[in-house]
Protein backbone atom coordinates (compact mmCIF):
# COMPACT_ATOMS: atom_id res chain seq x y z
CA UNK A 1 31.53 23.02 0.53
CA UNK A 2 32.83 19.30 -0.51
CA UNK A 3 31.76 17.72 -3.59
CA UNK A 4 28.11 15.74 -3.94
CA UNK A 5 30.90 12.61 -4.70
CA UNK A 6 32.35 13.16 -1.78
CA UNK A 7 29.71 13.56 0.47
CA UNK A 8 28.20 10.53 -1.12
CA UNK A 9 32.13 8.52 0.65
CA UNK A 10 31.98 9.78 4.21
CA UNK A 11 28.42 9.38 3.54
CA UNK A 12 28.90 5.21 2.79
CA UNK A 13 31.36 5.68 5.94
CA UNK A 14 29.39 6.54 8.12
CA UNK A 15 27.36 4.13 7.49
CA UNK A 16 29.93 1.51 7.43
CA UNK A 17 30.43 1.97 11.12
CA UNK A 18 27.04 1.63 11.87
CA UNK A 19 27.44 -1.49 10.04
CA UNK A 20 30.31 -3.35 11.02
CA UNK A 21 29.08 -2.66 15.52
CA UNK A 22 26.00 -3.95 14.41
CA UNK A 23 27.63 -6.52 12.73
CA UNK A 24 29.64 -7.55 14.94
CA UNK A 25 26.99 -6.85 17.87
CA UNK A 26 24.65 -9.65 16.51
CA UNK A 27 26.79 -12.27 15.21
CA UNK A 28 29.46 -11.96 18.07
CA UNK A 29 28.01 -10.56 21.26
CA UNK A 30 25.32 -11.36 21.60
CA UNK A 31 23.72 -14.30 19.36
CA UNK A 32 22.75 -17.41 21.18
CA UNK A 33 26.22 -18.88 21.33
CA UNK A 34 27.95 -15.70 20.81
CA UNK A 35 30.82 -14.28 23.13
CA UNK A 36 28.29 -13.26 26.00
CA UNK A 37 26.28 -16.01 25.38
CA UNK A 38 29.36 -18.40 26.60
CA UNK A 39 29.93 -15.14 29.89
CA UNK A 40 26.76 -16.02 31.06
CA UNK A 41 26.31 -19.93 30.45
CA UNK A 42 30.12 -19.44 32.63
CA UNK A 43 28.59 -18.05 35.72
CA UNK A 44 29.58 -19.97 38.76
CA UNK A 45 30.40 -18.65 42.68
CA UNK A 46 29.06 -15.82 44.95
CA UNK A 47 30.11 -12.63 43.44
CA UNK A 48 31.17 -12.63 39.53
CA UNK A 49 27.28 -14.26 38.75
CA UNK A 50 25.99 -11.10 40.48
CA UNK A 51 28.95 -8.53 38.73
CA UNK A 52 28.79 -10.47 35.36
CA UNK A 53 25.23 -9.55 35.31
CA UNK A 54 25.41 -6.23 35.94
CA UNK A 55 29.09 -5.55 33.00
CA UNK A 56 26.84 -7.86 30.78
CA UNK A 57 23.74 -6.04 31.54
CA UNK A 58 26.02 -2.56 30.43
CA UNK A 59 27.84 -3.52 27.72
CA UNK A 60 24.38 -4.93 25.78
CA UNK A 61 23.05 -0.86 26.38
CA UNK A 62 26.08 0.59 24.80
CA UNK A 63 25.79 -1.71 22.36
CA UNK A 64 22.29 -1.13 21.19
CA UNK A 65 22.96 2.77 21.98
CA UNK A 66 25.16 2.93 19.29
CA UNK A 67 23.06 1.50 16.48
CA UNK A 68 19.97 2.61 18.02
CA UNK A 69 16.92 5.13 15.76
CA UNK A 70 18.60 8.00 17.65
CA UNK A 71 22.51 6.51 17.14
CA UNK A 72 21.67 6.47 13.67
CA UNK A 73 19.77 9.55 13.49
CA UNK A 74 22.25 11.37 14.33
CA UNK A 75 25.90 10.07 11.87
CA UNK A 76 22.92 10.54 9.49
CA UNK A 77 22.16 14.44 10.12
CA UNK A 78 25.29 16.00 9.25
CA UNK A 79 25.78 14.69 5.60
CA UNK A 80 22.21 15.67 4.66
CA UNK A 81 23.20 18.91 5.95
CA UNK A 82 26.07 19.38 4.27
CA UNK A 83 23.78 18.02 0.71
CA UNK A 84 21.50 19.66 1.42
CA UNK A 85 24.16 22.67 -0.40
CA UNK A 86 24.09 20.79 -3.24
CA UNK A 87 20.80 20.83 -3.54
CA UNK A 88 19.94 24.59 -2.68
CA UNK A 89 22.51 25.42 -5.73
CA UNK A 90 21.12 23.53 -8.45
CA UNK A 91 19.40 25.79 -11.31
CA UNK A 92 17.58 23.16 -12.10
CA UNK A 93 16.95 20.87 -9.77
CA UNK A 94 16.76 20.50 -6.28
CA UNK A 95 14.06 22.49 -3.71
CA UNK A 96 16.23 25.29 -2.83
CA UNK A 97 17.14 26.39 0.61
CA UNK A 98 13.45 26.02 2.76
CA UNK A 99 14.96 23.39 4.97
CA UNK A 100 13.82 23.16 8.53
CA UNK A 101 14.83 19.52 9.45
CA UNK A 102 16.55 16.53 8.81
CA UNK A 103 13.35 14.85 7.53
CA UNK A 104 12.94 17.85 4.37
CA UNK A 105 16.02 17.61 3.12
CA UNK A 106 15.37 13.67 3.29
CA UNK A 107 12.31 14.10 0.98
CA UNK A 108 14.68 16.72 -0.90
CA UNK A 109 17.22 14.02 -1.27
CA UNK A 110 14.97 11.69 -2.30
CA UNK A 111 13.75 14.39 -5.53
CA UNK A 112 17.81 14.36 -6.44
CA UNK A 113 18.95 11.13 -6.72
CA UNK A 114 15.23 10.02 -8.74
CA UNK A 115 15.36 13.49 -10.62
CA UNK A 116 18.57 13.01 -11.35
CA UNK A 117 18.49 9.16 -11.92
CA UNK A 118 20.24 8.05 -8.78
CA UNK A 119 19.86 4.89 -6.53
CA UNK A 120 20.87 2.96 -3.38
CA UNK A 121 21.12 -0.11 -2.54
CA UNK A 122 17.90 -2.51 -2.53
CA UNK A 123 17.50 -3.46 0.97
CA UNK A 124 15.86 -7.04 -1.60
CA UNK A 125 13.13 -7.07 0.30
CA UNK A 126 10.00 -9.65 -1.89
CA UNK A 127 7.04 -8.56 -1.09
CA UNK A 128 4.34 -11.73 -0.42
CA UNK A 129 0.33 -11.05 -0.59
CA UNK A 130 -1.35 -12.27 2.35
CA UNK A 131 -2.97 -15.63 2.50
CA UNK A 132 -6.21 -17.08 3.76
CA UNK A 133 -6.24 -20.07 6.69
CA UNK A 134 -7.89 -23.48 4.97
CA UNK A 135 -10.71 -22.91 8.37
CA UNK A 136 -12.31 -19.01 6.84
CA UNK A 137 -15.77 -18.35 7.04
CA UNK A 138 -14.92 -15.92 4.29
CA UNK A 139 -13.15 -14.81 1.07
CA UNK A 140 -12.48 -11.21 1.53
CA UNK A 141 -8.86 -10.98 -0.12
CA UNK A 142 -6.29 -9.22 1.13
CA UNK A 143 -4.42 -6.62 -1.47
CA UNK A 144 -0.79 -5.12 -1.58
CA UNK A 145 0.50 -2.31 -3.16
CA UNK A 146 4.39 -2.65 -2.51
CA UNK A 147 5.98 0.68 -5.13
CA UNK A 148 5.50 3.95 -4.43
CA UNK A 149 4.08 6.40 -7.66
CA UNK A 150 6.89 6.43 -9.06
CA UNK A 151 7.55 2.91 -9.06
CA UNK A 152 10.63 2.00 -6.52
CA UNK A 153 9.71 0.02 -3.63
CA UNK A 154 8.86 1.36 -0.20
CA UNK A 155 11.69 -0.39 1.72
CA UNK A 156 10.47 1.44 4.91
CA UNK A 157 8.94 -1.69 6.19
CA UNK A 158 10.48 -4.85 8.55
CA UNK A 159 10.83 -7.94 7.36
CA UNK A 160 8.70 -10.20 8.66
CA UNK A 161 5.73 -12.59 8.81
CA UNK A 162 2.00 -10.91 9.34
CA UNK A 163 -1.57 -12.26 10.24
CA UNK A 164 -4.25 -10.17 9.26
CA UNK A 165 -7.01 -11.54 11.79
CA UNK A 166 -10.94 -10.52 11.73
CA UNK A 167 -11.86 -9.30 14.83
CA UNK A 168 -14.59 -8.02 14.73
CA UNK A 169 -16.98 -8.89 12.31
CA UNK A 170 -21.48 -7.78 12.03
CA UNK A 171 -22.11 -10.52 15.94
CA UNK A 172 -19.75 -8.49 17.57
CA UNK A 173 -19.23 -4.95 17.00
CA UNK A 174 -19.51 -4.02 12.82
CA UNK A 175 -21.09 -4.56 10.14
CA UNK A 176 -21.50 -6.96 7.13
CA UNK A 177 -18.72 -6.46 5.15
CA UNK A 178 -17.64 -3.62 6.85
CA UNK A 179 -15.06 -6.08 9.57
CA UNK A 180 -12.64 -5.21 11.03
CA UNK A 181 -8.89 -6.68 10.86
CA UNK A 182 -5.81 -6.29 13.19
CA UNK A 183 -2.59 -6.44 11.91
CA UNK A 184 0.10 -8.21 13.83
CA UNK A 185 3.62 -8.81 13.04
CA UNK A 186 6.45 -10.60 15.28
CA UNK A 187 7.78 -9.58 18.15
CA UNK A 188 10.68 -6.84 18.27
CA UNK A 189 14.18 -6.99 20.26
CA UNK A 190 13.77 -5.12 23.49
CA UNK A 191 16.65 -2.70 22.55
CA UNK A 192 18.56 -1.89 19.15
CA UNK A 193 19.77 -5.33 19.05
CA UNK A 194 19.05 -8.57 16.63
CA UNK A 195 16.71 -6.91 13.87
CA UNK A 196 17.59 -9.22 11.64
CA UNK A 197 15.78 -11.81 12.84
CA UNK A 198 12.93 -10.36 15.13
CA UNK A 199 10.07 -8.14 14.12
CA UNK A 200 7.95 -4.84 14.11
CA UNK A 201 6.25 -6.06 17.77
CA UNK A 202 3.47 -3.75 19.00
CA UNK A 203 4.07 -0.85 16.74
CA UNK A 204 3.16 -2.29 13.85
CA UNK A 205 -1.00 -3.82 15.79
CA UNK A 206 -2.71 -1.35 13.28
CA UNK A 207 -6.56 -2.14 12.70
CA UNK A 208 -7.96 -1.79 9.10
CA UNK A 209 -11.79 -2.43 7.94
CA UNK A 210 -13.03 -3.96 5.12
CA UNK A 211 -14.03 -1.64 1.84
CA UNK A 212 -17.03 -1.91 0.53
CA UNK A 213 -19.85 0.46 -1.36
CA UNK A 214 -21.10 2.14 1.71
CA UNK A 215 -20.62 4.75 3.73
CA UNK A 216 -19.79 5.13 6.72
CA UNK A 217 -16.31 3.35 8.40
CA UNK A 218 -14.58 1.44 5.38
CA UNK A 219 -16.85 2.67 2.63
CA UNK A 220 -16.55 4.96 -0.87
CA UNK A 221 -15.36 7.41 -1.22
CA UNK A 222 -17.44 7.76 -4.13
CA UNK A 223 -21.12 8.22 -3.99
CA UNK A 224 -23.29 6.12 -5.02
CA UNK A 225 -21.38 3.31 -5.51
CA UNK A 226 -23.75 0.44 -5.50
CA UNK A 227 -25.80 1.64 -7.95
CA UNK A 228 -29.02 2.01 -5.71
CA UNK A 229 -29.86 5.18 -6.45
CA UNK A 230 -31.36 5.55 -9.85
CA UNK A 231 -34.52 7.97 -11.16
CA UNK A 232 -35.96 6.68 -15.13
CA UNK A 233 -35.06 10.41 -17.65
CA UNK A 234 -34.25 10.95 -20.25
CA UNK A 235 -31.46 13.22 -19.30
CA UNK A 236 -27.63 12.25 -18.70
CA UNK A 237 -27.91 11.52 -14.61
CA UNK A 238 -30.02 9.04 -13.60
CA UNK A 239 -28.13 6.82 -11.60
CA UNK A 240 -26.99 10.13 -8.78
CA UNK A 241 -23.96 11.46 -9.10
CA UNK A 242 -23.44 9.72 -11.61
CA UNK A 243 -23.08 11.47 -15.22
CA UNK A 244 -23.83 9.00 -18.54
CA UNK A 245 -22.36 9.36 -21.60
CA UNK A 246 -23.57 7.94 -25.29
CA UNK A 247 -22.47 7.22 -28.53
CA UNK A 248 -23.72 6.03 -31.51
CA UNK A 249 -27.50 5.69 -31.53
CA UNK A 250 -26.99 4.71 -27.77
CA UNK A 251 -29.89 6.29 -25.98
CA UNK A 252 -31.11 6.84 -22.11
CA UNK A 253 -32.69 3.92 -21.84
CA UNK A 254 -29.83 1.65 -22.43
CA UNK A 255 -29.03 2.19 -19.09
CA UNK A 256 -31.07 1.27 -16.53
CA UNK A 257 -31.19 -0.73 -12.37
CA UNK A 258 -31.82 -4.13 -11.98
CA UNK A 259 -32.79 -4.73 -8.57
CA UNK A 260 -33.16 -8.88 -8.95
CA UNK A 261 -29.16 -9.03 -9.95
CA UNK A 262 -26.53 -7.87 -8.00
CA UNK A 263 -23.18 -8.51 -6.07
CA UNK A 264 -23.79 -7.94 -2.64
CA UNK A 265 -25.40 -5.38 -0.39
CA UNK A 266 -23.29 -2.86 1.55
CA UNK A 267 -24.22 -1.34 5.28
CA UNK A 268 -26.78 0.53 5.23
CA UNK A 269 -27.89 -0.08 1.81
CA UNK A 270 -31.61 1.13 1.07
CA UNK A 271 -31.62 -0.75 -1.78
CA UNK A 272 -29.82 -3.49 -3.07
CA UNK A 273 -28.97 -3.14 -7.02
CA UNK A 274 -26.57 -3.08 -10.08
CA UNK A 275 -25.84 -0.69 -13.25
CA UNK A 276 -28.06 -2.33 -15.83
CA UNK A 277 -26.68 -1.53 -19.96
CA UNK A 278 -27.55 -2.96 -22.83
CA UNK A 279 -26.27 -3.09 -25.75
CA UNK A 280 -29.30 -2.49 -28.25
CA UNK A 281 -27.40 -0.93 -31.39
CA UNK A 282 -24.13 -3.20 -32.18
CA UNK A 283 -20.97 -0.58 -31.62
CA UNK A 284 -22.49 2.43 -29.66
CA UNK A 285 -20.45 3.11 -26.31
CA UNK A 286 -21.63 3.84 -22.56
CA UNK A 287 -20.18 5.09 -19.76
CA UNK A 288 -20.97 6.88 -16.67
CA UNK A 289 -18.98 9.39 -14.83
CA UNK A 290 -18.37 10.70 -10.80
CA UNK A 291 -15.59 13.71 -10.34
CA UNK A 292 -14.87 15.02 -7.12
CA UNK A 293 -17.39 17.32 -7.24
CA UNK A 294 -20.29 14.36 -6.57
CA UNK A 295 -18.03 11.90 -4.36
CA UNK A 296 -17.74 11.79 -1.08
CA UNK A 297 -14.99 14.31 -0.35
CA UNK A 298 -13.33 17.30 -1.83
CA UNK A 299 -10.27 16.73 -3.03
CA UNK A 300 -7.03 13.85 -3.04
CA UNK A 301 -4.59 13.19 -0.94
CA UNK A 302 -0.83 13.42 -3.36
CA UNK A 303 0.51 11.48 -0.48
CA UNK A 304 -2.17 8.70 -0.31
CA UNK A 305 -2.23 6.07 -2.84
CA UNK A 306 -5.74 4.92 -4.09
CA UNK A 307 -8.16 1.62 -4.71
CA UNK A 308 -10.08 1.75 -7.25
CA UNK A 309 -12.37 -1.31 -8.58
CA UNK A 310 -15.95 -2.50 -10.29
CA UNK A 311 -17.38 -5.71 -9.95
CA UNK A 312 -19.83 -6.44 -13.66
CA UNK A 313 -21.48 -9.51 -14.95
CA UNK A 314 -22.45 -10.10 -18.73
CA UNK A 315 -23.55 -14.10 -18.64
CA UNK A 316 -26.57 -12.46 -16.91
CA UNK A 317 -27.34 -10.38 -19.86
CA UNK A 318 -25.52 -12.35 -22.24
CA UNK A 319 -23.78 -9.49 -22.39
CA UNK A 320 -21.39 -10.39 -25.90
CA UNK A 321 -18.39 -8.28 -27.25
CA UNK A 322 -16.59 -4.80 -26.85
CA UNK A 323 -15.13 -4.35 -23.73
CA UNK A 324 -15.51 -3.06 -20.23
CA UNK A 325 -13.51 -0.29 -19.49
CA UNK A 326 -12.20 1.31 -16.07
CA UNK A 327 -10.58 4.57 -15.51
CA UNK A 328 -8.95 6.25 -13.05
CA UNK A 329 -8.33 9.95 -14.13
CA UNK A 330 -6.23 10.56 -16.87
CA UNK A 331 -3.42 8.46 -16.93
CA UNK A 332 -4.28 4.45 -15.97
CA UNK A 333 -6.99 3.00 -17.79
CA UNK A 334 -7.86 -0.60 -17.69
CA UNK A 335 -10.18 -2.17 -19.93
CA UNK A 336 -11.21 -5.84 -20.39
CA UNK A 337 -12.75 -7.98 -23.35
CA UNK A 338 -16.29 -9.16 -22.64
CA UNK A 339 -15.82 -12.29 -24.71
CA UNK A 340 -16.87 -15.70 -22.79
CA UNK A 341 -16.71 -14.09 -18.69
CA UNK A 342 -18.65 -16.20 -16.79
CA UNK A 343 -20.51 -14.59 -12.81
CA UNK A 344 -19.22 -12.13 -11.83
CA UNK A 345 -15.67 -10.59 -11.95
CA UNK A 346 -13.61 -7.88 -10.95
CA UNK A 347 -12.14 -5.28 -12.96
CA UNK A 348 -10.03 -2.89 -11.46
CA UNK A 349 -6.61 -0.39 -11.41
CA UNK A 350 -3.27 -2.31 -10.80
CA UNK A 351 -1.75 -2.77 -7.66
CA UNK A 352 1.60 -0.35 -9.12
CA UNK A 353 2.63 2.78 -9.39
CA UNK A 354 -1.02 4.12 -11.15
CA UNK A 355 -2.53 4.13 -8.20
CA UNK A 356 -0.35 7.23 -7.25
CA UNK A 357 -2.21 11.09 -7.66
CA UNK A 358 1.34 11.98 -9.17
CA UNK A 359 0.45 9.12 -12.44
CA UNK A 360 -3.51 9.34 -12.77
CA UNK A 361 -4.10 13.10 -11.88
CA UNK A 362 -5.43 15.15 -14.40
CA UNK A 363 -7.16 19.15 -15.17
CA UNK A 364 -10.43 17.42 -14.05
CA UNK A 365 -10.52 14.82 -12.22
CA UNK A 366 -12.97 11.71 -12.58
CA UNK A 367 -14.12 8.15 -13.08
CA UNK A 368 -15.29 6.46 -15.86
CA UNK A 369 -17.12 2.90 -16.19
CA UNK A 370 -18.39 1.91 -19.67
CA UNK A 371 -18.52 -0.96 -21.96
CA UNK A 372 -18.04 -0.36 -25.94
CA UNK A 373 -18.62 -2.23 -28.90
CA UNK A 374 -21.02 -4.95 -28.03
CA UNK A 375 -23.41 -6.35 -30.49
CA UNK A 376 -26.10 -7.91 -28.02
CA UNK A 377 -27.64 -7.85 -24.76
CA UNK A 378 -26.94 -6.66 -21.57
CA UNK A 379 -23.97 -6.16 -19.46
CA UNK A 380 -24.55 -5.74 -14.82
CA UNK A 381 -22.27 -3.58 -13.24
CA UNK A 382 -22.25 -3.66 -9.75
CA UNK A 383 -19.75 -2.60 -6.00
CA UNK A 384 -17.55 0.33 -7.52
CA UNK A 385 -14.96 1.25 -4.89
CA UNK A 386 -13.15 4.08 -4.87
CA UNK A 387 -10.61 4.31 -1.42
CA UNK A 388 -7.40 5.16 -0.76
CA UNK A 389 -4.89 1.77 0.71
CA UNK A 390 -3.67 1.47 3.85
CA UNK A 391 -0.30 1.48 5.05
CA UNK A 392 0.71 -0.48 7.34
CA UNK A 393 4.45 -1.06 8.27
CA UNK A 394 5.71 0.71 5.21
CA UNK A 395 3.81 -0.25 2.60
CA UNK A 396 0.02 -0.81 1.76
CA UNK A 397 -2.56 -3.31 2.91
CA UNK A 398 -6.17 -3.98 1.71
CA UNK A 399 -9.22 -6.45 2.32
CA UNK A 400 -11.86 -6.45 -0.06
CA UNK A 401 -14.59 -8.95 -1.86
CA UNK A 402 -13.53 -10.22 -5.11
CA UNK A 403 -14.82 -13.92 -4.75
CA UNK A 404 -17.82 -14.41 -7.75
CA UNK A 405 -19.40 -15.87 -4.75
CA UNK A 406 -18.79 -13.26 -1.75
CA UNK A 407 -19.24 -14.68 1.74
CA UNK A 408 -18.01 -12.11 4.44
CA UNK A 409 -15.43 -13.24 6.70
CA UNK A 410 -15.92 -13.71 10.58
CA UNK A 411 -13.99 -13.51 13.81
CA UNK A 412 -11.32 -15.58 13.93
CA UNK A 413 -11.14 -15.69 10.05
CA UNK A 414 -6.88 -15.04 9.47
CA UNK A 415 -4.37 -14.78 6.43
CA UNK A 416 -0.83 -14.58 6.06
CA UNK A 417 1.54 -12.31 4.71
CA UNK A 418 5.68 -13.55 4.49
CA UNK A 419 8.42 -11.36 3.40
CA UNK A 420 11.18 -12.71 3.07
CA UNK A 421 14.73 -10.66 2.23
CA UNK A 422 16.15 -6.90 3.48
CA UNK A 423 18.20 -8.33 6.35
CA UNK A 424 20.96 -5.79 7.82
CA UNK A 425 24.30 -5.98 5.37
CA UNK A 426 22.18 -5.84 2.55
CA UNK A 427 21.03 -2.76 0.82
CA UNK A 428 22.87 -0.82 3.73
CA UNK A 429 22.50 3.03 3.23
CA UNK A 430 19.14 2.27 2.72
CA UNK A 431 18.93 -0.07 5.96
CA UNK A 432 20.80 2.98 8.03
CA UNK A 433 18.17 5.03 6.12
CA UNK A 434 15.17 2.99 7.74
CA UNK A 435 16.92 2.66 10.95
CA UNK A 436 17.18 6.54 11.44
CA UNK A 437 13.47 6.81 10.78
CA UNK A 438 14.08 8.91 7.69
CA UNK A 439 12.22 6.75 5.11
CA UNK A 440 13.87 4.93 2.89
CA UNK A 441 15.27 6.08 -0.69
CA UNK A 442 14.72 5.67 -4.89
CA UNK A 443 16.55 2.00 -4.92
CA UNK A 444 17.90 -0.76 -7.28
CA UNK A 445 19.61 -4.00 -7.84
CA UNK A 446 22.38 -1.67 -9.85
CA UNK A 447 22.43 1.27 -7.81
CA UNK A 448 24.52 4.11 -8.94
CA UNK A 449 25.86 5.06 -5.49
CA UNK A 450 27.51 1.66 -4.19
CA UNK A 451 26.89 0.31 -0.55
CA UNK A 452 30.34 0.52 2.20
CA UNK A 453 32.60 -2.53 1.50
């Protein structure tokens, strides 16, 4: 049985043949001004143009088939099954021997590399956050998550310019704040060549919804995300779905509803409102919690990241001192000083590995919103959104509202993201894993498994 080092050497050599074939075809034969272009430009006569065109078609088809997805997978599969033997015999790491496909082995290989602090060369992609067109009516923000649960870059993606375009609004087929957007990439190559200068094409045309605090498409997974359902009580659950926890001299009447001041409405809203937390006794801590049992779901998906935010406002009620806190499960918490914040602010979980269940999971999972250490006044909370990110071409995107004065998007509003880097020849092992349809592996700029040269 070959050693792991020997398998890695074979892996590099296999990928190197793919890469050298691709590079020669792309850079010398099928590129503008390449040998095939020169040949086609020289066609004259009665016979050569016809037969020459057929020859060019055959050559290009052969070149494409040598580096397309099926060929890449066929070449890499044997390496994966050689690696499966290494994984199976480990007494402390690895998945054992229950592999049913190359995809199963690839998942196990990812975990193996992570557990052993190993990595391949990164594709060196620079990801960008979508920016709004200057002519937009709405002012929603489009966020991106580009790392996985361990913090590795999501490198199984096309590097291109993507447009996110509003295609349905409150006047054309959907409700206000639940607008539909289409994500469109650049034109793809018609075969397996020239991937480095072409886009994802039709494969990236994906529909996503703007997220909001209501129910239905795009709605939050939390129950009563907008704090619309309220019944004054001396108990611990005045807002439906939320359990109140108090410390110090705080009392339940410190938690009330404000139907005059709120961040925004939402689809199917029965009452427009916000939650009002008053600090009648300096230093108190007031927290509202919601567990999975009270949400609109019964379980969390470990393979999909989650987004969490709440809008808050201290200036209306002159809330003074202390901190507002948002907590997602056991290990993920963000805290912001109340200080002299003005208008509606967004308290949000960072767009990193903390969005994954692997990071925030706990024995009794819940979400918490609170204010502690205040000295006077009150703070309003509204538009608490907990939802899954939308996966588009290997990374995650999400349309949400974070403007102090929110404005709903209308049809034809556009956003643009232009990623860079990731060219073929950079991160060769990673690149060909992606082309083969397997995915990506832990990567680093200084990898333990270097690229072939």
